[in-house]
Amino acid sequence: MATLYGRIKGRENRSEDAPPVAAIDCGAVLHSVRPVSLQSKKAAPLRSSPNPALVARLQQKLVADIDIASDAKSVLLDTAERERIRCKVEEMLSAEEGVSPLERDTVLTAVMAEIVGYGPLEPLLQDDSIQEIMVNGASSIWVEKSGKLVQTDATFSSDSHLMNVIEKILAPLGRRIDEASPMVDARLPDGSRVNVVIPPLSLSGPCITIRKFARRPLTMGDLVKSGTMSKSMAMFLEASVLSRLNIIVSGGTGSGKTTTLNVLSSFVPGDERIVTIEDAAELQLHQEHVVTLEARPPNLEGRGEVSIRNLVRNALRMRPDRIVVGEVRSGEALDMLQAMNTGHDGSLTTGHSNGPRDMLSRLETMVLMAGIDLPIRAIREQIASAIDLIIHQARFKDGSRRITHITEVQGMEGDVIVLQDIFLFYNEGLDSDGRVRGAHRGLGIRPRCYERFESSGISLSPALFE
């Protein structure tokens, strides 16, 4: 046990923030105006907006003077080009009369956000205390902080302004959005997940939902420290991944499924070939031999679509040691189960459900969505032989996320799939501060997969499950 958890703590200690970008000498301009870095992590998202007229005027002058279009490609500028633009903005601000030093800093940040960032969203994206950003039209921006929703003072000047930012997000990915295709899933360069809905589907104007990823990927030690799981559960899950069990992480929206999948995938040995398949690439795997596949929506003529199911089938021809599917939600579940049943042990995926038993019911439904007429018993036999472990995660009222079940699939008895809980979270209600109280406990049952651990050379004490 000490060896396994020691490796968990070792991974935690090796994780570090990305090094800061080195400053570039901008000449005499820097001596007259104090620079403000757009990459600051101390941005205050709830502050009032700068003078919109001054920001717009400087932005127009900047575009005219340095011949740079304020379009989607500008977010991809390299560091040197960003610093050159920032110096030019500082030079323009120094020529403005009646602008206080504090206002100058605010305007500089706003102009840089418009030219090389995502406008009013930029300070929110740089604030590490924000987990999610929700734009409900041009004049309403909400954020999730510590599990609570808070409305910000930030706004867009108009729906057109908001649509320009949406185009900035989508253009580098080759995605499109218009009245013919008013919904789209995308991602930011850092991997944050983006969903966009525009009129006529949205009656409140263009809407953006951004689920941010932490700058430093979370480790198993982080999840133990935050109470998402216990040390015993962490050691058991690491042993499960190393022993090549097929695992599905279930839970509701925002429960932390992708985060848990990322942590589990970090235990895959570096000498194995991993193929990841997602709608919008967001998994953060740090092994050297990783192939990332991303689904493609249809083009303007309705052609060229490549679905998750197509990618799962193709992945089988790519000599994978492990297949990681970001989420199964329809007919690709059948191909995923068949992959798990044909020698691709150790595969990982996620799915939406209310619990482990409900996850099995949803898998049955998704297999039927593949359009193949299979009897229910045959589907259940496929599921029972393919899935070894179900990890169910939930988001509680106080905003905390916890693994509530680690459940083993033990096979079939008659027409019923037999499940056995190994670890559970016992909810003991709320404390005086409104936080959820409770504890993770083992049920004292040694799982059937224990033999797989021993055959893989992994030794866990039976006391781990008590």
Protein backbone atom coordinates (compact mmCIF):
# COMPACT_ATOMS: atom_id res chain seq x y z
CA MET A 1 0.00 0.00 0.00
CA ALA A 2 2.76 2.41 0.86
CA THR A 3 4.41 1.85 -2.51
CA LEU A 4 1.26 2.61 -4.49
CA TYR A 5 0.36 5.71 -2.54
CA GLY A 6 3.98 6.82 -2.68
CA ARG A 7 3.72 6.86 -6.44
CA ILE A 8 0.53 8.90 -6.18
CA LYS A 9 2.25 11.49 -4.00
CA GLY A 10 5.25 11.46 -6.33
CA ARG A 11 3.06 12.38 -9.27
CA GLU A 12 1.50 15.15 -7.23
CA ASN A 13 4.88 16.60 -6.31
CA ARG A 14 6.12 16.57 -9.91
CA SER A 15 3.16 18.65 -11.17
CA GLU A 16 4.10 22.27 -11.59
CA ASP A 17 2.61 25.36 -13.15
CA ALA A 18 3.82 26.29 -16.62
CA PRO A 19 6.80 28.69 -16.53
CA PRO A 20 5.98 32.35 -17.09
CA VAL A 21 6.59 33.89 -20.51
CA ALA A 22 9.75 35.98 -20.59
CA ALA A 23 9.26 39.74 -20.99
CA ILE A 24 10.36 41.38 -24.25
CA ASP A 25 12.08 44.79 -24.37
CA CYS A 26 9.74 47.22 -26.06
CA GLY A 27 12.10 50.20 -26.09
CA ALA A 28 11.45 53.63 -24.74
CA VAL A 29 7.70 53.09 -24.57
CA LEU A 30 8.09 50.86 -21.53
CA HIS A 31 9.82 53.65 -19.58
CA SER A 32 6.80 55.95 -19.74
CA VAL A 33 3.95 53.51 -19.14
CA ARG A 34 3.86 50.60 -16.70
CA PRO A 35 3.00 47.39 -18.61
CA VAL A 36 0.08 45.22 -17.62
CA SER A 37 0.34 41.53 -18.48
CA LEU A 38 -2.66 39.90 -20.09
CA GLN A 39 -1.52 36.60 -18.61
CA SER A 40 -1.86 37.70 -14.98
CA LYS A 41 -3.56 35.13 -12.76
CA LYS A 42 -4.79 37.82 -10.41
CA ALA A 43 -7.40 39.28 -12.74
CA ALA A 44 -10.48 40.54 -10.92
CA PRO A 45 -13.49 39.37 -12.92
CA LEU A 46 -16.09 41.28 -10.91
CA ARG A 47 -14.62 44.74 -11.49
CA SER A 48 -16.52 47.37 -13.47
CA SER A 49 -15.93 47.70 -17.23
CA PRO A 50 -13.49 50.31 -18.63
CA ASN A 51 -14.57 53.28 -20.74
CA PRO A 52 -16.10 51.55 -23.80
CA ALA A 53 -15.71 54.60 -26.07
CA LEU A 54 -11.99 54.89 -25.31
CA VAL A 55 -11.47 51.16 -25.81
CA ALA A 56 -13.28 51.23 -29.16
CA ARG A 57 -11.32 54.29 -30.35
CA LEU A 58 -7.96 52.79 -29.44
CA GLN A 59 -8.91 49.50 -31.03
CA GLN A 60 -9.80 51.21 -34.33
CA LYS A 61 -6.56 53.21 -34.32
CA LEU A 62 -4.55 50.09 -33.55
CA VAL A 63 -6.08 48.11 -36.42
CA ALA A 64 -5.39 51.00 -38.80
CA ASP A 65 -1.83 51.68 -37.60
CA ILE A 66 -0.36 48.19 -37.43
CA ASP A 67 -2.53 46.53 -40.09
CA ILE A 68 -3.83 43.70 -37.94
CA ALA A 69 -7.37 42.43 -38.26
CA SER A 70 -9.34 41.91 -35.07
CA ASP A 71 -10.46 38.46 -36.12
CA ALA A 72 -10.16 34.88 -34.96
CA LYS A 73 -6.60 34.45 -36.20
CA SER A 74 -5.28 37.19 -33.93
CA VAL A 75 -5.63 34.96 -30.87
CA LEU A 76 -2.99 32.70 -32.36
CA LEU A 77 -0.32 35.42 -32.46
CA ASP A 78 3.02 34.49 -30.94
CA THR A 79 4.44 36.13 -27.82
CA ALA A 80 6.64 38.60 -29.71
CA GLU A 81 3.70 39.87 -31.77
CA ARG A 82 1.53 40.22 -28.67
CA GLU A 83 4.21 42.25 -26.93
CA ARG A 84 4.61 44.49 -29.99
CA ILE A 85 0.89 45.19 -29.99
CA ARG A 86 0.88 45.88 -26.26
CA CYS A 87 3.70 48.40 -26.63
CA LYS A 88 1.76 50.17 -29.38
CA VAL A 89 -1.33 50.39 -27.15
CA GLU A 90 0.77 51.83 -24.32
CA GLU A 91 2.15 54.42 -26.72
CA MET A 92 -1.37 55.42 -27.75
CA LEU A 93 -2.50 55.63 -24.13
CA SER A 94 0.41 57.89 -23.22
CA ALA A 95 -0.88 60.37 -25.83
CA GLU A 96 -4.39 60.39 -24.34
CA GLU A 97 -5.19 63.27 -21.99
CA GLY A 98 -7.15 62.95 -18.78
CA VAL A 99 -6.56 59.21 -18.34
CA SER A 100 -5.51 58.22 -14.81
CA PRO A 101 -2.86 55.53 -14.26
CA LEU A 102 -5.49 53.14 -12.87
CA GLU A 103 -7.81 53.70 -15.84
CA ARG A 104 -4.84 53.33 -18.20
CA ASP A 105 -4.12 49.86 -16.85
CA THR A 106 -7.77 48.85 -17.15
CA VAL A 107 -8.09 50.17 -20.70
CA LEU A 108 -4.82 48.50 -21.75
CA THR A 109 -6.04 45.13 -20.51
CA ALA A 110 -9.41 45.60 -22.24
CA VAL A 111 -7.87 46.59 -25.60
CA MET A 112 -5.43 43.68 -25.50
CA ALA A 113 -8.29 41.33 -24.66
CA GLU A 114 -10.23 42.57 -27.69
CA ILE A 115 -7.29 42.34 -30.10
CA VAL A 116 -5.52 39.12 -29.05
CA GLY A 117 -7.98 37.58 -26.58
CA TYR A 118 -11.68 36.94 -26.10
CA GLY A 119 -12.85 40.40 -25.09
CA PRO A 120 -14.78 40.63 -21.78
CA LEU A 121 -14.22 36.89 -21.24
CA GLU A 122 -10.43 37.23 -21.04
CA PRO A 123 -10.19 38.30 -17.35
CA LEU A 124 -12.62 35.51 -16.43
CA LEU A 125 -10.54 32.94 -18.29
CA GLN A 126 -7.39 34.10 -16.48
CA ASP A 127 -9.02 33.88 -13.03
CA ASP A 128 -8.10 30.48 -11.58
CA SER A 129 -10.87 30.67 -8.96
CA ILE A 130 -13.54 30.40 -11.68
CA GLN A 131 -14.58 26.91 -12.78
CA GLU A 132 -17.27 27.76 -15.34
CA ILE A 133 -18.34 30.79 -17.40
CA MET A 134 -21.93 31.21 -18.61
CA VAL A 135 -22.85 33.96 -21.10
CA ASN A 136 -26.63 34.42 -21.36
CA GLY A 137 -26.71 37.08 -24.06
CA ALA A 138 -24.58 40.22 -24.39
CA SER A 139 -25.58 41.79 -21.07
CA SER A 140 -25.53 38.81 -18.70
CA ILE A 141 -22.35 36.90 -17.76
CA TRP A 142 -22.33 34.46 -14.83
CA VAL A 143 -19.49 32.43 -13.35
CA GLU A 144 -19.19 29.47 -10.98
CA LYS A 145 -16.84 30.08 -8.05
CA SER A 146 -16.44 27.50 -5.27
CA GLY A 147 -19.54 25.70 -6.51
CA LYS A 148 -21.75 28.83 -6.39
CA LEU A 149 -23.12 30.91 -9.28
CA VAL A 150 -22.22 34.62 -9.25
CA GLN A 151 -23.22 37.30 -11.77
CA THR A 152 -20.35 39.51 -12.95
CA ASP A 153 -20.26 43.16 -14.00
CA ALA A 154 -18.66 42.22 -17.33
CA THR A 155 -20.82 42.68 -20.45
CA PHE A 156 -20.53 42.71 -24.21
CA SER A 157 -21.39 45.92 -26.04
CA SER A 158 -23.86 44.14 -28.36
CA ASP A 159 -24.83 40.78 -29.78
CA SER A 160 -22.52 41.51 -32.73
CA HIS A 161 -19.62 41.96 -30.29
CA LEU A 162 -20.50 38.62 -28.70
CA MET A 163 -20.73 36.90 -32.09
CA ASN A 164 -17.25 38.21 -33.00
CA VAL A 165 -15.84 36.50 -29.91
CA ILE A 166 -17.69 33.30 -30.82
CA GLU A 167 -16.09 33.39 -34.27
CA LYS A 168 -12.68 33.82 -32.64
CA ILE A 169 -13.25 30.63 -30.68
CA LEU A 170 -14.55 28.56 -33.60
CA ALA A 171 -12.40 29.69 -36.55
CA PRO A 172 -9.12 27.98 -35.49
CA LEU A 173 -11.01 24.70 -35.10
CA GLY A 174 -12.73 24.82 -38.48
CA ARG A 175 -16.13 24.78 -36.79
CA ARG A 176 -19.03 26.98 -37.92
CA ILE A 177 -22.21 28.37 -36.43
CA ASP A 178 -25.12 30.04 -38.22
CA GLU A 179 -28.90 29.80 -38.50
CA ALA A 180 -28.56 26.47 -40.31
CA SER A 181 -26.31 25.08 -37.54
CA PRO A 182 -27.16 27.11 -34.41
CA MET A 183 -25.38 24.80 -31.91
CA VAL A 184 -21.74 23.79 -31.71
CA ASP A 185 -19.25 22.19 -29.32
CA ALA A 186 -15.68 23.51 -29.36
CA ARG A 187 -12.63 24.00 -27.15
CA LEU A 188 -10.17 26.72 -26.28
CA PRO A 189 -6.41 26.33 -26.88
CA ASP A 190 -5.94 25.32 -23.22
CA GLY A 191 -8.50 22.50 -23.59
CA SER A 192 -11.44 24.21 -21.88
CA ARG A 193 -14.76 22.91 -23.18
CA VAL A 194 -17.06 25.37 -25.02
CA ASN A 195 -20.71 25.07 -26.00
CA VAL A 196 -22.43 27.75 -28.09
CA VAL A 197 -26.12 28.22 -28.90
CA ILE A 198 -27.39 31.16 -30.96
CA PRO A 199 -30.81 32.39 -32.16
CA PRO A 200 -33.27 31.19 -33.31
CA LEU A 201 -32.76 28.38 -30.76
CA SER A 202 -31.76 30.79 -28.00
CA LEU A 203 -34.35 33.50 -27.33
CA SER A 204 -32.01 35.48 -25.05
CA GLY A 205 -29.30 36.02 -27.66
CA PRO A 206 -26.07 34.10 -28.26
CA CYS A 207 -25.15 31.88 -25.29
CA ILE A 208 -21.72 30.50 -24.42
CA THR A 209 -20.90 27.94 -21.73
CA ILE A 210 -17.21 27.42 -20.97
CA ARG A 211 -16.06 24.72 -18.59
CA LYS A 212 -12.52 25.64 -17.65
CA PHE A 213 -9.69 23.25 -17.03
CA ALA A 214 -7.16 23.86 -14.31
CA ARG A 215 -3.81 25.24 -15.47
CA ARG A 216 -2.16 22.44 -13.51
CA PRO A 217 -3.81 19.09 -14.21
CA LEU A 218 -5.17 17.55 -11.04
CA THR A 219 -3.50 14.44 -9.65
CA MET A 220 -4.85 11.57 -7.59
CA GLY A 221 -3.32 13.25 -4.53
CA ASP A 222 -5.38 16.38 -5.28
CA LEU A 223 -8.60 14.35 -5.42
CA VAL A 224 -7.75 12.67 -2.11
CA LYS A 225 -6.97 16.02 -0.50
CA SER A 226 -10.24 17.58 -1.73
CA GLY A 227 -12.30 14.66 -0.40
CA THR A 228 -13.33 13.34 -3.81
CA MET A 229 -12.06 9.93 -2.74
CA SER A 230 -10.15 8.28 0.10
CA LYS A 231 -6.55 7.03 0.07
CA SER A 232 -7.77 3.43 -0.02
CA MET A 233 -9.91 4.18 -3.07
CA ALA A 234 -6.97 5.91 -4.76
CA MET A 235 -4.72 2.89 -4.29
CA PHE A 236 -7.44 0.54 -5.50
CA LEU A 237 -8.06 2.62 -8.65
CA GLU A 238 -4.38 2.84 -9.49
CA ALA A 239 -4.11 -0.94 -9.16
CA SER A 240 -7.21 -1.30 -11.37
CA VAL A 241 -5.69 0.77 -14.18
CA LEU A 242 -2.32 -1.00 -13.96
CA SER A 243 -4.12 -4.37 -14.03
CA ARG A 244 -5.93 -3.32 -17.26
CA LEU A 245 -9.50 -3.39 -15.96
CA ASN A 246 -12.11 -1.87 -18.26
CA ILE A 247 -13.53 1.12 -16.39
CA ILE A 248 -16.48 3.42 -17.02
CA VAL A 249 -16.87 6.67 -15.04
CA SER A 250 -20.52 7.66 -14.65
CA GLY A 251 -22.24 10.71 -13.20
CA GLY A 252 -24.29 13.79 -13.94
CA THR A 253 -23.31 16.95 -15.78
CA GLY A 254 -20.50 18.80 -14.01
CA SER A 255 -19.85 15.97 -11.55
CA GLY A 256 -16.15 15.72 -12.50
CA LYS A 257 -16.19 12.66 -14.78
CA THR A 258 -13.61 14.02 -17.21
CA THR A 259 -11.31 15.10 -14.38
CA THR A 260 -11.44 11.60 -12.89
CA LEU A 261 -10.84 10.07 -16.33
CA ASN A 262 -7.78 12.29 -16.76
CA VAL A 263 -6.41 11.17 -13.38
CA LEU A 264 -7.04 7.50 -14.12
CA SER A 265 -5.35 7.76 -17.52
CA SER A 266 -2.23 9.16 -15.85
CA PHE A 267 -1.57 5.68 -14.42
CA VAL A 268 -1.34 4.07 -17.86
CA PRO A 269 2.32 3.01 -18.37
CA GLY A 270 4.28 5.19 -20.76
CA ASP A 271 5.27 2.28 -23.01
CA GLU A 272 1.67 1.61 -24.10
CA ARG A 273 -0.01 3.11 -27.18
CA ILE A 274 -3.12 5.09 -26.21
CA VAL A 275 -5.80 6.24 -28.67
CA THR A 276 -8.23 8.87 -27.35
CA ILE A 277 -11.55 9.60 -29.06
CA GLU A 278 -13.65 12.68 -28.26
CA ASP A 279 -16.25 15.05 -29.67
CA ALA A 280 -14.04 18.01 -28.72
CA ALA A 281 -10.53 17.11 -27.57
CA GLU A 282 -10.18 17.94 -23.87
CA LEU A 283 -8.37 15.01 -22.26
CA GLN A 284 -4.91 15.90 -20.97
CA LEU A 285 -2.73 12.81 -21.25
CA HIS A 286 0.99 13.28 -20.65
CA GLN A 287 2.31 9.96 -21.89
CA GLU A 288 4.54 10.12 -24.96
CA HIS A 289 2.67 7.62 -27.14
CA VAL A 290 -0.81 9.16 -27.41
CA VAL A 291 -2.92 9.52 -30.58
CA THR A 292 -5.79 12.01 -30.22
CA LEU A 293 -8.81 11.64 -32.52
CA GLU A 294 -11.60 14.23 -32.69
CA ALA A 295 -15.02 13.86 -34.29
CA ARG A 296 -15.94 16.18 -37.16
CA PRO A 297 -19.38 17.73 -37.79
CA PRO A 298 -20.90 17.87 -41.30
CA ASN A 299 -20.01 20.75 -43.62
CA LEU A 300 -22.39 23.27 -45.23
CA GLU A 301 -23.64 20.62 -47.66
CA GLY A 302 -24.27 18.18 -44.82
CA ARG A 303 -21.34 15.99 -45.84
CA GLY A 304 -18.03 14.99 -44.34
CA GLU A 305 -19.27 14.07 -40.87
CA VAL A 306 -17.03 11.72 -38.88
CA SER A 307 -18.81 10.41 -35.80
CA ILE A 308 -17.46 8.96 -32.56
CA ARG A 309 -18.61 5.57 -33.78
CA ASN A 310 -16.53 5.87 -36.95
CA LEU A 311 -13.50 6.81 -34.88
CA VAL A 312 -13.93 3.88 -32.48
CA ARG A 313 -14.05 1.49 -35.43
CA ASN A 314 -10.98 3.08 -36.98
CA ALA A 315 -9.09 3.02 -33.67
CA LEU A 316 -9.22 -0.79 -33.72
CA ARG A 317 -6.99 -0.67 -36.85
CA MET A 318 -4.42 1.57 -35.18
CA ARG A 319 -2.84 -1.07 -32.94
CA PRO A 320 -4.00 0.49 -29.66
CA ASP A 321 -3.00 -0.90 -26.28
CA ARG A 322 -5.76 1.18 -24.68
CA ILE A 323 -8.74 3.05 -26.08
CA VAL A 324 -10.03 6.06 -24.15
CA VAL A 325 -13.41 7.43 -25.27
CA GLY A 326 -14.25 10.81 -23.77
CA GLU A 327 -17.95 9.97 -23.50
CA VAL A 328 -20.34 7.38 -24.92
CA ARG A 329 -23.81 8.72 -25.60
CA SER A 330 -25.29 6.71 -28.49
CA GLY A 331 -24.48 3.84 -30.89
CA GLU A 332 -20.72 4.05 -30.29
CA ALA A 333 -21.38 2.19 -27.02
CA LEU A 334 -21.74 -1.04 -29.02
CA ASP A 335 -18.38 -0.56 -30.75
CA MET A 336 -16.75 0.35 -27.44
CA LEU A 337 -18.09 -2.82 -25.78
CA GLN A 338 -16.89 -4.93 -28.68
CA ALA A 339 -13.44 -3.36 -28.46
CA MET A 340 -13.29 -4.18 -24.74
CA ASN A 341 -14.34 -7.74 -25.54
CA THR A 342 -11.75 -8.26 -28.27
CA GLY A 343 -8.48 -7.88 -26.44
CA HIS A 344 -8.33 -4.15 -25.72
CA ASP A 345 -8.31 -4.50 -21.95
CA GLY A 346 -7.72 -1.41 -19.84
CA SER A 347 -10.02 0.82 -21.89
CA LEU A 348 -11.64 3.84 -20.23
CA THR A 349 -14.75 5.90 -20.94
CA THR A 350 -17.43 8.04 -19.29
CA GLY A 351 -21.22 8.23 -19.47
CA HIS A 352 -24.11 10.15 -17.94
CA SER A 353 -26.22 8.33 -15.36
CA ASN A 354 -27.77 8.55 -11.89
CA GLY A 355 -25.92 5.54 -10.50
CA PRO A 356 -24.06 2.32 -11.39
CA ARG A 357 -27.20 0.30 -12.08
CA ASP A 358 -28.65 3.13 -14.15
CA MET A 359 -25.41 3.26 -16.15
CA LEU A 360 -25.97 -0.33 -17.24
CA SER A 361 -29.54 0.49 -18.31
CA ARG A 362 -28.29 3.46 -20.32
CA LEU A 363 -25.65 1.28 -21.99
CA GLU A 364 -28.40 -1.11 -23.09
CA THR A 365 -30.34 1.80 -24.59
CA MET A 366 -27.25 3.19 -26.34
CA VAL A 367 -26.45 -0.21 -27.87
CA LEU A 368 -29.98 -0.35 -29.29
CA MET A 369 -29.38 3.11 -30.80
CA ALA A 370 -26.72 1.52 -33.02
CA GLY A 371 -29.59 0.21 -35.15
CA ILE A 372 -28.75 -3.46 -34.70
CA ASP A 373 -31.60 -5.67 -33.52
CA LEU A 374 -30.05 -7.58 -30.63
CA PRO A 375 -31.92 -9.40 -27.85
CA ILE A 376 -31.61 -7.77 -24.43
CA ARG A 377 -29.90 -10.81 -22.96
CA ALA A 378 -27.18 -10.69 -25.63
CA ILE A 379 -26.59 -7.00 -24.90
CA ARG A 380 -26.36 -7.64 -21.17
CA GLU A 381 -23.88 -10.47 -21.73
CA GLN A 382 -21.74 -8.10 -23.78
CA ILE A 383 -21.86 -5.48 -21.02
CA ALA A 384 -21.16 -7.98 -18.23
CA SER A 385 -18.10 -9.40 -19.98
CA ALA A 386 -16.75 -6.02 -21.14
CA ILE A 387 -17.09 -3.71 -18.12
CA ASP A 388 -15.09 -4.57 -15.00
CA LEU A 389 -15.60 -1.47 -12.86
CA ILE A 390 -18.06 1.43 -12.60
CA ILE A 391 -16.97 4.61 -10.81
CA HIS A 392 -19.94 6.83 -10.05
CA GLN A 393 -19.37 10.48 -9.22
CA ALA A 394 -21.82 13.14 -7.99
CA ARG A 395 -21.87 16.90 -7.48
CA PHE A 396 -23.40 17.89 -4.13
CA LYS A 397 -25.40 20.93 -3.10
CA ASP A 398 -22.36 22.71 -1.65
CA GLY A 399 -20.54 22.40 -4.98
CA SER A 400 -18.24 19.58 -3.86
CA ARG A 401 -17.68 16.57 -6.11
CA ARG A 402 -17.25 13.10 -4.66
CA ILE A 403 -17.03 9.55 -5.89
CA THR A 404 -20.07 7.92 -4.31
CA HIS A 405 -19.68 4.35 -5.65
CA ILE A 406 -16.90 2.10 -6.84
CA THR A 407 -18.80 -0.92 -8.08
CA GLU A 408 -17.58 -4.17 -9.60
CA VAL A 409 -19.46 -5.93 -12.40
CA GLN A 410 -19.38 -9.59 -11.41
CA GLY A 411 -21.14 -11.25 -14.32
CA MET A 412 -24.63 -12.59 -15.06
CA GLU A 413 -27.13 -14.49 -12.95
CA GLY A 414 -30.01 -15.46 -15.16
CA ASP A 415 -30.96 -12.33 -17.10
CA VAL A 416 -29.60 -9.89 -14.51
CA ILE A 417 -26.14 -8.32 -14.37
CA VAL A 418 -24.70 -8.75 -10.87
CA LEU A 419 -23.09 -5.68 -9.28
CA GLN A 420 -21.10 -5.52 -6.05
CA ASP A 421 -20.25 -2.24 -4.33
CA ILE A 422 -16.65 -2.09 -3.09
CA PHE A 423 -16.50 1.48 -1.75
CA LEU A 424 -19.35 3.87 -0.92
CA PHE A 425 -19.69 7.47 0.24
CA TYR A 426 -21.97 7.75 3.27
CA ASN A 427 -23.66 11.17 3.28
CA GLU A 428 -24.20 12.46 6.83
CA GLY A 429 -26.01 15.69 5.92
CA LEU A 430 -24.83 19.30 6.11
CA ASP A 431 -22.75 21.02 8.78
CA SER A 432 -23.41 24.50 10.19
CA ASP A 433 -21.63 26.10 7.19
CA GLY A 434 -23.76 24.24 4.64
CA ARG A 435 -20.98 21.83 3.65
CA VAL A 436 -21.70 18.17 3.06
CA ARG A 437 -20.45 15.85 5.81
CA GLY A 438 -19.69 12.21 5.22
CA ALA A 439 -17.01 9.58 4.71
CA HIS A 440 -15.83 7.02 2.16
CA ARG A 441 -15.85 3.48 3.47
CA GLY A 442 -15.05 0.06 2.16
CA LEU A 443 -17.67 -2.65 2.54
CA GLY A 444 -15.19 -5.27 3.73
CA ILE A 445 -15.62 -7.35 0.58
CA ARG A 446 -12.59 -8.45 -1.39
CA PRO A 447 -13.45 -7.92 -5.08
CA ARG A 448 -13.18 -10.62 -7.73
CA CYS A 449 -10.61 -8.48 -9.58
CA TYR A 450 -8.21 -9.04 -6.66
CA GLU A 451 -6.87 -12.07 -8.54
CA ARG A 452 -6.13 -9.81 -11.52
CA PHE A 453 -4.08 -7.59 -9.24
CA GLU A 454 -2.00 -10.52 -8.00
CA SER A 455 -1.42 -11.86 -11.52
CA SER A 456 -0.20 -8.37 -12.51
CA GLY A 457 2.30 -8.35 -9.65
CA ILE A 458 0.35 -5.81 -7.57
CA SER A 459 -0.10 -6.56 -3.89
CA LEU A 460 -2.90 -4.85 -1.95
CA SER A 461 -3.67 -5.65 1.66
CA PRO A 462 -7.20 -7.07 2.21
CA ALA A 463 -7.49 -4.48 5.01
CA LEU A 464 -7.75 -1.85 2.27
CA PHE A 465 -11.37 -2.82 1.69
CA GLU A 466 -12.48 -2.75 5.31
